[in-house]
């Protein structure tokens, strides 16, 4: 049996696509811009309808700033939100120099709970020993390492005495 043309076609008959084009029917998909405009129009209409119906009235958080709006530009947004959500204290993760500087800034007020001068002297000497140990730690880099100044033991004892008699 001899076949004429391709299977499913009638030899000599016009193609279906040509007939549809002749009738003004196009099979082309709308452009992406047209589709996006249609979707945007539908979204805007839906929002307008919801506003008219009062769907957005009295929502929790109305009038307050949105949380995490600027997280797209911050690669560490998830770490920061974890720290905030879990209320983590990261002072132990600070470099030793920064911890010592923070501790030094709290003196002499941090010495007030100590019972006597011997305890004050021991605390200040312990601080000074940790400062010296930090200075002995190796440092890499083109700049000088950050340092923390030591405390004067007698000056701290005097400040402790004055604070105890004044308070």
C-alpha atoms as a PDB file:
ATOM      1  CA  UNK A   1       0.000   0.000   0.000  1.00  0.00           C
ATOM      2  CA  UNK A   2       1.431   3.305  -1.088  1.00  0.00           C
ATOM      3  CA  UNK A   3       1.103   6.286   1.221  1.00  0.00           C
ATOM      4  CA  UNK A   4       0.881   9.852   0.056  1.00  0.00           C
ATOM      5  CA  UNK A   5       2.361  12.509   2.379  1.00  0.00           C
ATOM      6  CA  UNK A   6       2.943  12.183   6.070  1.00  0.00           C
ATOM      7  CA  UNK A   7       0.791  10.146   8.341  1.00  0.00           C
ATOM      8  CA  UNK A   8      -2.180  12.133   9.582  1.00  0.00           C
ATOM      9  CA  UNK A   9      -2.059  14.604   6.672  1.00  0.00           C
ATOM     10  CA  UNK A  10      -4.265  14.740   3.629  1.00  0.00           C
ATOM     11  CA  UNK A  11      -2.281  15.377   0.471  1.00  0.00           C
ATOM     12  CA  UNK A  12      -3.268  18.625  -1.171  1.00  0.00           C
ATOM     13  CA  UNK A  13      -5.346  19.862   1.788  1.00  0.00           C
ATOM     14  CA  UNK A  14      -4.338  23.126   3.500  1.00  0.00           C
ATOM     15  CA  UNK A  15      -2.738  22.853   6.910  1.00  0.00           C
ATOM     16  CA  UNK A  16      -4.907  23.569   9.928  1.00  0.00           C
ATOM     17  CA  UNK A  17      -2.578  26.327  11.142  1.00  0.00           C
ATOM     18  CA  UNK A  18      -2.863  28.094   7.792  1.00  0.00           C
ATOM     19  CA  UNK A  19      -6.654  27.892   7.862  1.00  0.00           C
ATOM     20  CA  UNK A  20      -6.754  29.367  11.404  1.00  0.00           C
ATOM     21  CA  UNK A  21      -4.421  32.183  10.394  1.00  0.00           C
ATOM     22  CA  UNK A  22      -6.619  32.953   7.391  1.00  0.00           C
ATOM     23  CA  UNK A  23      -9.613  33.213   9.736  1.00  0.00           C
ATOM     24  CA  UNK A  24      -7.736  35.621  12.066  1.00  0.00           C
ATOM     25  CA  UNK A  25      -7.219  33.139  14.861  1.00  0.00           C
ATOM     26  CA  UNK A  26      -3.695  33.212  16.244  1.00  0.00           C
ATOM     27  CA  UNK A  27      -2.248  30.446  18.309  1.00  0.00           C
ATOM     28  CA  UNK A  28       0.601  32.548  19.672  1.00  0.00           C
ATOM     29  CA  UNK A  29       0.949  32.879  23.403  1.00  0.00           C
ATOM     30  CA  UNK A  30       0.716  36.378  24.776  1.00  0.00           C
ATOM     31  CA  UNK A  31       4.033  38.030  25.560  1.00  0.00           C
ATOM     32  CA  UNK A  32       5.458  37.885  29.045  1.00  0.00           C
ATOM     33  CA  UNK A  33       4.881  41.617  29.483  1.00  0.00           C
ATOM     34  CA  UNK A  34       1.200  41.242  28.563  1.00  0.00           C
ATOM     35  CA  UNK A  35       0.822  38.319  30.946  1.00  0.00           C
ATOM     36  CA  UNK A  36       2.587  40.230  33.739  1.00  0.00           C
ATOM     37  CA  UNK A  37       0.312  43.241  33.213  1.00  0.00           C
ATOM     38  CA  UNK A  38      -2.755  40.998  33.348  1.00  0.00           C
ATOM     39  CA  UNK A  39      -1.570  39.368  36.570  1.00  0.00           C
ATOM     40  CA  UNK A  40      -0.686  42.757  38.065  1.00  0.00           C
ATOM     41  CA  UNK A  41      -4.109  44.064  37.101  1.00  0.00           C
ATOM     42  CA  UNK A  42      -5.790  41.060  38.722  1.00  0.00           C
ATOM     43  CA  UNK A  43      -3.700  41.475  41.894  1.00  0.00           C
ATOM     44  CA  UNK A  44      -4.515  45.188  42.086  1.00  0.00           C
ATOM     45  CA  UNK A  45      -8.218  44.486  41.591  1.00  0.00           C
ATOM     46  CA  UNK A  46      -8.184  41.824  44.311  1.00  0.00           C
ATOM     47  CA  UNK A  47      -6.409  44.146  46.757  1.00  0.00           C
ATOM     48  CA  UNK A  48      -8.792  47.007  45.996  1.00  0.00           C
ATOM     49  CA  UNK A  49     -11.775  44.716  46.547  1.00  0.00           C
ATOM     50  CA  UNK A  50     -10.347  43.467  49.872  1.00  0.00           C
ATOM     51  CA  UNK A  51      -9.744  47.057  51.004  1.00  0.00           C
ATOM     52  CA  UNK A  52     -13.322  48.015  50.164  1.00  0.00           C
ATOM     53  CA  UNK A  53     -14.602  45.006  52.113  1.00  0.00           C
ATOM     54  CA  UNK A  54     -12.432  45.960  55.116  1.00  0.00           C
ATOM     55  CA  UNK A  55     -10.375  42.768  55.070  1.00  0.00           C
ATOM     56  CA  UNK A  56      -7.210  44.665  56.019  1.00  0.00           C
ATOM     57  CA  UNK A  57      -8.803  46.623  58.876  1.00  0.00           C
ATOM     58  CA  UNK A  58      -7.587  45.880  62.413  1.00  0.00           C
ATOM     59  CA  UNK A  59      -4.849  43.447  61.435  1.00  0.00           C
ATOM     60  CA  UNK A  60      -2.321  42.617  64.162  1.00  0.00           C
ATOM     61  CA  UNK A  61       0.764  44.770  63.765  1.00  0.00           C
ATOM     62  CA  UNK A  62      -1.055  47.485  61.825  1.00  0.00           C
ATOM     63  CA  UNK A  63       0.955  50.698  61.788  1.00  0.00           C
ATOM     64  CA  UNK A  64       4.126  48.991  63.001  1.00  0.00           C
ATOM     65  CA  UNK A  65       7.273  48.575  60.893  1.00  0.00           C
ATOM     66  CA  UNK A  66       7.716  45.243  59.141  1.00  0.00           C
ATOM     67  CA  UNK A  67      10.338  42.949  60.603  1.00  0.00           C
ATOM     68  CA  UNK A  68      13.158  41.646  58.447  1.00  0.00           C
ATOM     69  CA  UNK A  69      12.384  43.948  55.522  1.00  0.00           C
ATOM     70  CA  UNK A  70      16.049  44.695  54.835  1.00  0.00           C
ATOM     71  CA  UNK A  71      17.335  41.115  55.096  1.00  0.00           C
ATOM     72  CA  UNK A  72      17.875  40.700  51.342  1.00  0.00           C
ATOM     73  CA  UNK A  73      21.007  42.863  51.412  1.00  0.00           C
ATOM     74  CA  UNK A  74      22.435  41.345  54.585  1.00  0.00           C
ATOM     75  CA  UNK A  75      24.063  37.929  54.141  1.00  0.00           C
ATOM     76  CA  UNK A  76      24.141  37.405  57.927  1.00  0.00           C
ATOM     77  CA  UNK A  77      20.435  38.107  58.497  1.00  0.00           C
ATOM     78  CA  UNK A  78      19.751  34.621  59.810  1.00  0.00           C
ATOM     79  CA  UNK A  79      22.576  34.771  62.373  1.00  0.00           C
ATOM     80  CA  UNK A  80      21.427  38.160  63.615  1.00  0.00           C
ATOM     81  CA  UNK A  81      17.812  37.009  63.901  1.00  0.00           C
ATOM     82  CA  UNK A  82      18.925  33.873  65.770  1.00  0.00           C
ATOM     83  CA  UNK A  83      20.937  35.966  68.233  1.00  0.00           C
ATOM     84  CA  UNK A  84      18.020  38.325  68.767  1.00  0.00           C
ATOM     85  CA  UNK A  85      15.364  35.597  68.987  1.00  0.00           C
ATOM     86  CA  UNK A  86      17.353  33.406  71.400  1.00  0.00           C
ATOM     87  CA  UNK A  87      18.742  36.434  73.294  1.00  0.00           C
ATOM     88  CA  UNK A  88      22.272  35.042  73.100  1.00  0.00           C
ATOM     89  CA  UNK A  89      25.123  36.727  74.972  1.00  0.00           C
ATOM     90  CA  UNK A  90      28.088  36.779  72.618  1.00  0.00           C
ATOM     91  CA  UNK A  91      30.509  38.556  74.900  1.00  0.00           C
ATOM     92  CA  UNK A  92      32.364  35.241  75.322  1.00  0.00           C
ATOM     93  CA  UNK A  93      32.900  35.100  71.555  1.00  0.00           C
ATOM     94  CA  UNK A  94      34.686  38.460  71.492  1.00  0.00           C
ATOM     95  CA  UNK A  95      38.458  38.518  71.026  1.00  0.00           C
ATOM     96  CA  UNK A  96      40.411  38.458  74.287  1.00  0.00           C
ATOM     97  CA  UNK A  97      41.529  42.079  73.935  1.00  0.00           C
ATOM     98  CA  UNK A  98      37.941  43.283  73.566  1.00  0.00           C
ATOM     99  CA  UNK A  99      36.820  41.255  76.577  1.00  0.00           C
ATOM    100  CA  UNK A 100      39.619  42.757  78.649  1.00  0.00           C
ATOM    101  CA  UNK A 101      38.767  46.281  77.477  1.00  0.00           C
ATOM    102  CA  UNK A 102      35.122  45.766  78.393  1.00  0.00           C
ATOM    103  CA  UNK A 103      36.125  44.416  81.792  1.00  0.00           C
ATOM    104  CA  UNK A 104      38.505  47.347  82.378  1.00  0.00           C
ATOM    105  CA  UNK A 105      35.753  49.835  81.560  1.00  0.00           C
ATOM    106  CA  UNK A 106      33.660  48.366  84.393  1.00  0.00           C
ATOM    107  CA  UNK A 107      36.296  49.161  87.034  1.00  0.00           C
ATOM    108  CA  UNK A 108      36.187  50.389  89.825  1.00  0.00           C
ATOM    109  CA  UNK A 109      32.403  49.837  90.081  1.00  0.00           C
ATOM    110  CA  UNK A 110      32.884  46.094  89.505  1.00  0.00           C
ATOM    111  CA  UNK A 111      35.004  45.935  92.679  1.00  0.00           C
ATOM    112  CA  UNK A 112      32.300  47.276  95.005  1.00  0.00           C
ATOM    113  CA  UNK A 113      30.771  43.884  95.921  1.00  0.00           C
ATOM    114  CA  UNK A 114      34.140  42.561  97.127  1.00  0.00           C
ATOM    115  CA  UNK A 115      34.348  42.226 100.927  1.00  0.00           C
ATOM    116  CA  UNK A 116      37.827  43.574 101.714  1.00  0.00           C
ATOM    117  CA  UNK A 117      40.999  45.145 100.346  1.00  0.00           C
ATOM    118  CA  UNK A 118      42.723  41.781  99.928  1.00  0.00           C
ATOM    119  CA  UNK A 119      39.964  40.608  97.586  1.00  0.00           C
ATOM    120  CA  UNK A 120      40.193  43.890  95.642  1.00  0.00           C
ATOM    121  CA  UNK A 121      43.959  43.521  95.283  1.00  0.00           C
ATOM    122  CA  UNK A 122      43.571  39.892  94.168  1.00  0.00           C
ATOM    123  CA  UNK A 123      40.962  40.831  91.551  1.00  0.00           C
ATOM    124  CA  UNK A 124      43.051  43.675  90.121  1.00  0.00           C
ATOM    125  CA  UNK A 125      46.212  41.559  90.100  1.00  0.00           C
ATOM    126  CA  UNK A 126      44.316  38.775  88.332  1.00  0.00           C
ATOM    127  CA  UNK A 127      43.153  41.283  85.703  1.00  0.00           C
ATOM    128  CA  UNK A 128      46.710  42.568  85.215  1.00  0.00           C
ATOM    129  CA  UNK A 129      48.014  38.982  84.879  1.00  0.00           C
ATOM    130  CA  UNK A 130      45.427  38.265  82.145  1.00  0.00           C
ATOM    131  CA  UNK A 131      46.428  41.492  80.352  1.00  0.00           C
ATOM    132  CA  UNK A 132      50.087  40.407  80.362  1.00  0.00           C
ATOM    133  CA  UNK A 133      49.134  36.914  79.170  1.00  0.00           C
ATOM    134  CA  UNK A 134      47.189  38.450  76.284  1.00  0.00           C
ATOM    135  CA  UNK A 135      50.194  40.591  75.326  1.00  0.00           C
ATOM    136  CA  UNK A 136      52.393  37.477  75.199  1.00  0.00           C
ATOM    137  CA  UNK A 137      50.068  35.756  72.763  1.00  0.00           C
ATOM    138  CA  UNK A 138      51.477  35.643  69.207  1.00  0.00           C
ATOM    139  CA  UNK A 139      50.102  38.177  66.735  1.00  0.00           C
ATOM    140  CA  UNK A 140      49.987  37.924  62.966  1.00  0.00           C
ATOM    141  CA  UNK A 141      49.456  40.825  60.629  1.00  0.00           C
ATOM    142  CA  UNK A 142      51.067  43.990  59.346  1.00  0.00           C
ATOM    143  CA  UNK A 143      49.876  46.194  62.216  1.00  0.00           C
ATOM    144  CA  UNK A 144      50.642  46.253  65.887  1.00  0.00           C
ATOM    145  CA  UNK A 145      48.404  44.090  68.052  1.00  0.00           C
ATOM    146  CA  UNK A 146      45.720  45.849  70.069  1.00  0.00           C
ATOM    147  CA  UNK A 147      46.635  46.089  73.730  1.00  0.00           C
ATOM    148  CA  UNK A 148      44.894  46.829  76.995  1.00  0.00           C
ATOM    149  CA  UNK A 149      46.495  48.903  79.711  1.00  0.00           C
ATOM    150  CA  UNK A 150      47.017  47.440  83.157  1.00  0.00           C
ATOM    151  CA  UNK A 151      45.328  48.819  86.240  1.00  0.00           C
ATOM    152  CA  UNK A 152      47.160  50.444  89.119  1.00  0.00           C
ATOM    153  CA  UNK A 153      46.431  48.227  92.135  1.00  0.00           C
ATOM    154  CA  UNK A 154      46.783  51.006  94.731  1.00  0.00           C
ATOM    155  CA  UNK A 155      44.624  53.367  92.692  1.00  0.00           C
ATOM    156  CA  UNK A 156      41.849  50.753  92.450  1.00  0.00           C
ATOM    157  CA  UNK A 157      42.055  49.993  96.175  1.00  0.00           C
ATOM    158  CA  UNK A 158      41.784  53.729  96.920  1.00  0.00           C
ATOM    159  CA  UNK A 159      38.780  54.081  94.590  1.00  0.00           C
ATOM    160  CA  UNK A 160      37.172  51.036  96.256  1.00  0.00           C
ATOM    161  CA  UNK A 161      37.697  52.588  99.726  1.00  0.00           C
ATOM    162  CA  UNK A 162      36.206  55.916  98.656  1.00  0.00           C
ATOM    163  CA  UNK A 163      33.197  54.263  97.050  1.00  0.00           C
ATOM    164  CA  UNK A 164      32.577  52.118 100.166  1.00  0.00           C
ATOM    165  CA  UNK A 165      32.713  55.111 102.534  1.00  0.00           C
ATOM    166  CA  UNK A 166      30.549  57.286 100.233  1.00  0.00           C
ATOM    167  CA  UNK A 167      27.929  54.581  99.668  1.00  0.00           C
END
